[in-house]
């Protein structure tokens, strides 16, 4: 049986963001998913490669069975929001991970309504993500 494919989305603008998305990728890969990680699976960003990167990312979403999105931050990263919207248009399931505990006590909504309704689930830790993905794979 072929491994399921996961597209890992999230901001990549500093070392901390790249480290966290790589931790997400490791957790997802550890339970048997093939992963697409935009900063790993694309050429370096230059004026000459931006169209190639866009097309590779779009195809990565199209070929994925599921999209995993890092939702951390004051607002969801705009590129991540686009990736979630495209996955929703393709009727691909998505899981968001939001680990900022400060927002858990002020209500149910941790992200914009349109993003929230594009997600199958929002988890709050790597362990919770692994549990949800393991159950999802079995169904």
C-alpha atoms as a PDB file:
ATOM      1  CA  UNK A   1       0.000   0.000   0.000  1.00  0.00           C
ATOM      2  CA  UNK A   2       1.293   3.426  -0.954  1.00  0.00           C
ATOM      3  CA  UNK A   3       1.964   5.949   1.825  1.00  0.00           C
ATOM      4  CA  UNK A   4      -0.501   8.778   2.231  1.00  0.00           C
ATOM      5  CA  UNK A   5       0.837  12.215   1.376  1.00  0.00           C
ATOM      6  CA  UNK A   6       0.715  15.293   3.597  1.00  0.00           C
ATOM      7  CA  UNK A   7       1.436  18.875   2.587  1.00  0.00           C
ATOM      8  CA  UNK A   8       2.914  20.829   5.511  1.00  0.00           C
ATOM      9  CA  UNK A   9       1.963  24.532   5.398  1.00  0.00           C
ATOM     10  CA  UNK A  10       3.124  27.407   7.557  1.00  0.00           C
ATOM     11  CA  UNK A  11       5.164  30.586   7.631  1.00  0.00           C
ATOM     12  CA  UNK A  12       8.870  30.161   6.885  1.00  0.00           C
ATOM     13  CA  UNK A  13      10.280  33.641   7.436  1.00  0.00           C
ATOM     14  CA  UNK A  14      12.647  33.002  10.330  1.00  0.00           C
ATOM     15  CA  UNK A  15      14.591  30.165  11.922  1.00  0.00           C
ATOM     16  CA  UNK A  16      11.942  29.564  14.586  1.00  0.00           C
ATOM     17  CA  UNK A  17       9.155  29.209  12.025  1.00  0.00           C
ATOM     18  CA  UNK A  18      11.256  26.867   9.874  1.00  0.00           C
ATOM     19  CA  UNK A  19      12.242  24.826  12.948  1.00  0.00           C
ATOM     20  CA  UNK A  20       8.591  24.428  14.008  1.00  0.00           C
ATOM     21  CA  UNK A  21       7.351  23.401  10.551  1.00  0.00           C
ATOM     22  CA  UNK A  22      10.209  20.868  10.393  1.00  0.00           C
ATOM     23  CA  UNK A  23       9.081  19.491  13.769  1.00  0.00           C
ATOM     24  CA  UNK A  24       5.564  19.148  12.315  1.00  0.00           C
ATOM     25  CA  UNK A  25       7.008  17.349   9.304  1.00  0.00           C
ATOM     26  CA  UNK A  26       8.971  14.924  11.514  1.00  0.00           C
ATOM     27  CA  UNK A  27       5.856  14.092  13.533  1.00  0.00           C
ATOM     28  CA  UNK A  28       3.760  13.510  10.407  1.00  0.00           C
ATOM     29  CA  UNK A  29       6.479  11.457   8.700  1.00  0.00           C
ATOM     30  CA  UNK A  30       6.986   9.363  11.857  1.00  0.00           C
ATOM     31  CA  UNK A  31       3.553   7.797  11.390  1.00  0.00           C
ATOM     32  CA  UNK A  32       4.149   6.883   7.774  1.00  0.00           C
ATOM     33  CA  UNK A  33       3.101   9.878   5.699  1.00  0.00           C
ATOM     34  CA  UNK A  34       5.146  11.058   2.738  1.00  0.00           C
ATOM     35  CA  UNK A  35       5.515  14.798   3.174  1.00  0.00           C
ATOM     36  CA  UNK A  36       5.824  17.878   1.012  1.00  0.00           C
ATOM     37  CA  UNK A  37       7.629  20.696   2.791  1.00  0.00           C
ATOM     38  CA  UNK A  38       7.776  23.866   0.658  1.00  0.00           C
ATOM     39  CA  UNK A  39      11.166  25.170   1.795  1.00  0.00           C
ATOM     40  CA  UNK A  40      12.732  21.717   1.506  1.00  0.00           C
ATOM     41  CA  UNK A  41      11.105  20.575  -1.735  1.00  0.00           C
ATOM     42  CA  UNK A  42      11.622  23.709  -3.831  1.00  0.00           C
ATOM     43  CA  UNK A  43      14.609  25.552  -5.245  1.00  0.00           C
ATOM     44  CA  UNK A  44      15.835  28.607  -3.330  1.00  0.00           C
ATOM     45  CA  UNK A  45      13.554  31.616  -3.863  1.00  0.00           C
ATOM     46  CA  UNK A  46      14.878  34.024  -6.485  1.00  0.00           C
ATOM     47  CA  UNK A  47      13.094  36.205  -9.054  1.00  0.00           C
ATOM     48  CA  UNK A  48      13.695  33.410 -11.567  1.00  0.00           C
ATOM     49  CA  UNK A  49      12.204  30.623  -9.404  1.00  0.00           C
ATOM     50  CA  UNK A  50       9.052  32.176  -7.919  1.00  0.00           C
ATOM     51  CA  UNK A  51       6.745  30.764 -10.617  1.00  0.00           C
ATOM     52  CA  UNK A  52       8.307  27.309 -10.259  1.00  0.00           C
ATOM     53  CA  UNK A  53       7.838  27.470  -6.485  1.00  0.00           C
ATOM     54  CA  UNK A  54       4.198  28.520  -6.895  1.00  0.00           C
ATOM     55  CA  UNK A  55       3.537  25.665  -9.336  1.00  0.00           C
ATOM     56  CA  UNK A  56       5.379  23.106  -7.164  1.00  0.00           C
ATOM     57  CA  UNK A  57       3.404  24.145  -4.087  1.00  0.00           C
ATOM     58  CA  UNK A  58       0.106  24.044  -5.984  1.00  0.00           C
ATOM     59  CA  UNK A  59       0.928  20.560  -7.295  1.00  0.00           C
ATOM     60  CA  UNK A  60       2.043  19.503  -3.806  1.00  0.00           C
ATOM     61  CA  UNK A  61      -1.429  20.361  -2.497  1.00  0.00           C
ATOM     62  CA  UNK A  62      -3.110  18.652  -5.452  1.00  0.00           C
ATOM     63  CA  UNK A  63      -1.174  15.423  -4.837  1.00  0.00           C
ATOM     64  CA  UNK A  64      -1.601  15.466  -1.060  1.00  0.00           C
ATOM     65  CA  UNK A  65      -4.180  13.417   0.798  1.00  0.00           C
ATOM     66  CA  UNK A  66      -4.230  15.949   3.638  1.00  0.00           C
ATOM     67  CA  UNK A  67      -2.854  19.402   4.450  1.00  0.00           C
ATOM     68  CA  UNK A  68      -1.354  20.149   7.878  1.00  0.00           C
ATOM     69  CA  UNK A  69      -1.226  23.881   8.673  1.00  0.00           C
ATOM     70  CA  UNK A  70       0.743  25.765  11.317  1.00  0.00           C
ATOM     71  CA  UNK A  71      -1.760  28.403  12.483  1.00  0.00           C
ATOM     72  CA  UNK A  72       0.461  29.969  15.157  1.00  0.00           C
ATOM     73  CA  UNK A  73       0.918  33.720  15.121  1.00  0.00           C
ATOM     74  CA  UNK A  74      -1.183  36.820  15.694  1.00  0.00           C
ATOM     75  CA  UNK A  75      -3.006  35.933  12.484  1.00  0.00           C
ATOM     76  CA  UNK A  76      -2.634  32.992  10.142  1.00  0.00           C
ATOM     77  CA  UNK A  77       0.130  33.555   7.591  1.00  0.00           C
ATOM     78  CA  UNK A  78      -1.328  34.744   4.277  1.00  0.00           C
ATOM     79  CA  UNK A  79       0.438  32.055   2.233  1.00  0.00           C
ATOM     80  CA  UNK A  80      -0.840  29.390   4.631  1.00  0.00           C
ATOM     81  CA  UNK A  81      -4.346  30.863   4.310  1.00  0.00           C
ATOM     82  CA  UNK A  82      -4.096  30.575   0.510  1.00  0.00           C
ATOM     83  CA  UNK A  83      -2.893  26.968   0.767  1.00  0.00           C
ATOM     84  CA  UNK A  84      -5.807  26.127   3.090  1.00  0.00           C
ATOM     85  CA  UNK A  85      -8.264  27.803   0.722  1.00  0.00           C
ATOM     86  CA  UNK A  86      -6.917  25.910  -2.258  1.00  0.00           C
ATOM     87  CA  UNK A  87      -7.081  22.614  -0.372  1.00  0.00           C
ATOM     88  CA  UNK A  88     -10.680  23.409   0.636  1.00  0.00           C
ATOM     89  CA  UNK A  89     -11.568  24.175  -2.999  1.00  0.00           C
ATOM     90  CA  UNK A  90     -10.149  20.762  -3.923  1.00  0.00           C
ATOM     91  CA  UNK A  91     -12.134  19.200  -1.040  1.00  0.00           C
ATOM     92  CA  UNK A  92      -8.912  18.034   0.622  1.00  0.00           C
ATOM     93  CA  UNK A  93      -9.052  17.593   4.395  1.00  0.00           C
ATOM     94  CA  UNK A  94      -6.898  19.920   6.482  1.00  0.00           C
ATOM     95  CA  UNK A  95      -5.797  19.929  10.094  1.00  0.00           C
ATOM     96  CA  UNK A  96      -4.566  23.075  11.788  1.00  0.00           C
ATOM     97  CA  UNK A  97      -2.182  23.153  14.719  1.00  0.00           C
ATOM     98  CA  UNK A  98      -2.373  26.100  17.093  1.00  0.00           C
ATOM     99  CA  UNK A  99      -0.217  25.811  20.200  1.00  0.00           C
ATOM    100  CA  UNK A 100      -0.589  29.317  21.675  1.00  0.00           C
ATOM    101  CA  UNK A 101      -2.268  28.617  25.032  1.00  0.00           C
ATOM    102  CA  UNK A 102      -3.165  32.296  25.561  1.00  0.00           C
ATOM    103  CA  UNK A 103      -6.156  32.043  23.208  1.00  0.00           C
ATOM    104  CA  UNK A 104      -7.689  28.887  24.666  1.00  0.00           C
ATOM    105  CA  UNK A 105      -9.439  30.657  27.506  1.00  0.00           C
ATOM    106  CA  UNK A 106     -11.194  33.415  25.577  1.00  0.00           C
ATOM    107  CA  UNK A 107     -13.594  31.477  23.351  1.00  0.00           C
ATOM    108  CA  UNK A 108     -13.780  28.785  20.739  1.00  0.00           C
ATOM    109  CA  UNK A 109     -12.519  30.686  17.710  1.00  0.00           C
ATOM    110  CA  UNK A 110      -8.714  30.590  17.362  1.00  0.00           C
ATOM    111  CA  UNK A 111      -8.562  31.602  13.688  1.00  0.00           C
ATOM    112  CA  UNK A 112     -10.611  33.516  11.151  1.00  0.00           C
ATOM    113  CA  UNK A 113     -14.018  31.940  10.465  1.00  0.00           C
ATOM    114  CA  UNK A 114     -13.191  31.128   6.812  1.00  0.00           C
ATOM    115  CA  UNK A 115      -9.979  29.374   7.824  1.00  0.00           C
ATOM    116  CA  UNK A 116     -11.629  27.622  10.728  1.00  0.00           C
ATOM    117  CA  UNK A 117     -14.417  26.254   8.541  1.00  0.00           C
ATOM    118  CA  UNK A 118     -11.806  24.950   6.054  1.00  0.00           C
ATOM    119  CA  UNK A 119     -10.315  22.673   8.714  1.00  0.00           C
ATOM    120  CA  UNK A 120     -11.356  19.196   9.757  1.00  0.00           C
ATOM    121  CA  UNK A 121      -9.816  19.781  13.156  1.00  0.00           C
ATOM    122  CA  UNK A 122      -7.617  22.157  15.152  1.00  0.00           C
ATOM    123  CA  UNK A 123      -5.131  20.511  17.499  1.00  0.00           C
ATOM    124  CA  UNK A 124      -2.977  22.118  20.184  1.00  0.00           C
ATOM    125  CA  UNK A 125       0.137  19.916  20.359  1.00  0.00           C
ATOM    126  CA  UNK A 126       2.290  17.555  18.313  1.00  0.00           C
ATOM    127  CA  UNK A 127       1.005  14.608  20.354  1.00  0.00           C
ATOM    128  CA  UNK A 128      -2.589  15.572  19.605  1.00  0.00           C
ATOM    129  CA  UNK A 129      -1.727  15.959  15.907  1.00  0.00           C
ATOM    130  CA  UNK A 130      -0.172  12.480  15.789  1.00  0.00           C
ATOM    131  CA  UNK A 131      -3.241  11.004  17.505  1.00  0.00           C
ATOM    132  CA  UNK A 132      -5.695  12.650  15.116  1.00  0.00           C
ATOM    133  CA  UNK A 133      -3.639  11.694  12.042  1.00  0.00           C
ATOM    134  CA  UNK A 134      -3.249   8.101  13.235  1.00  0.00           C
ATOM    135  CA  UNK A 135      -7.032   7.796  13.656  1.00  0.00           C
ATOM    136  CA  UNK A 136      -7.635   9.547  10.324  1.00  0.00           C
ATOM    137  CA  UNK A 137      -5.306   7.146   8.485  1.00  0.00           C
ATOM    138  CA  UNK A 138      -7.175   4.147   9.884  1.00  0.00           C
ATOM    139  CA  UNK A 139     -10.592   5.389   8.751  1.00  0.00           C
END
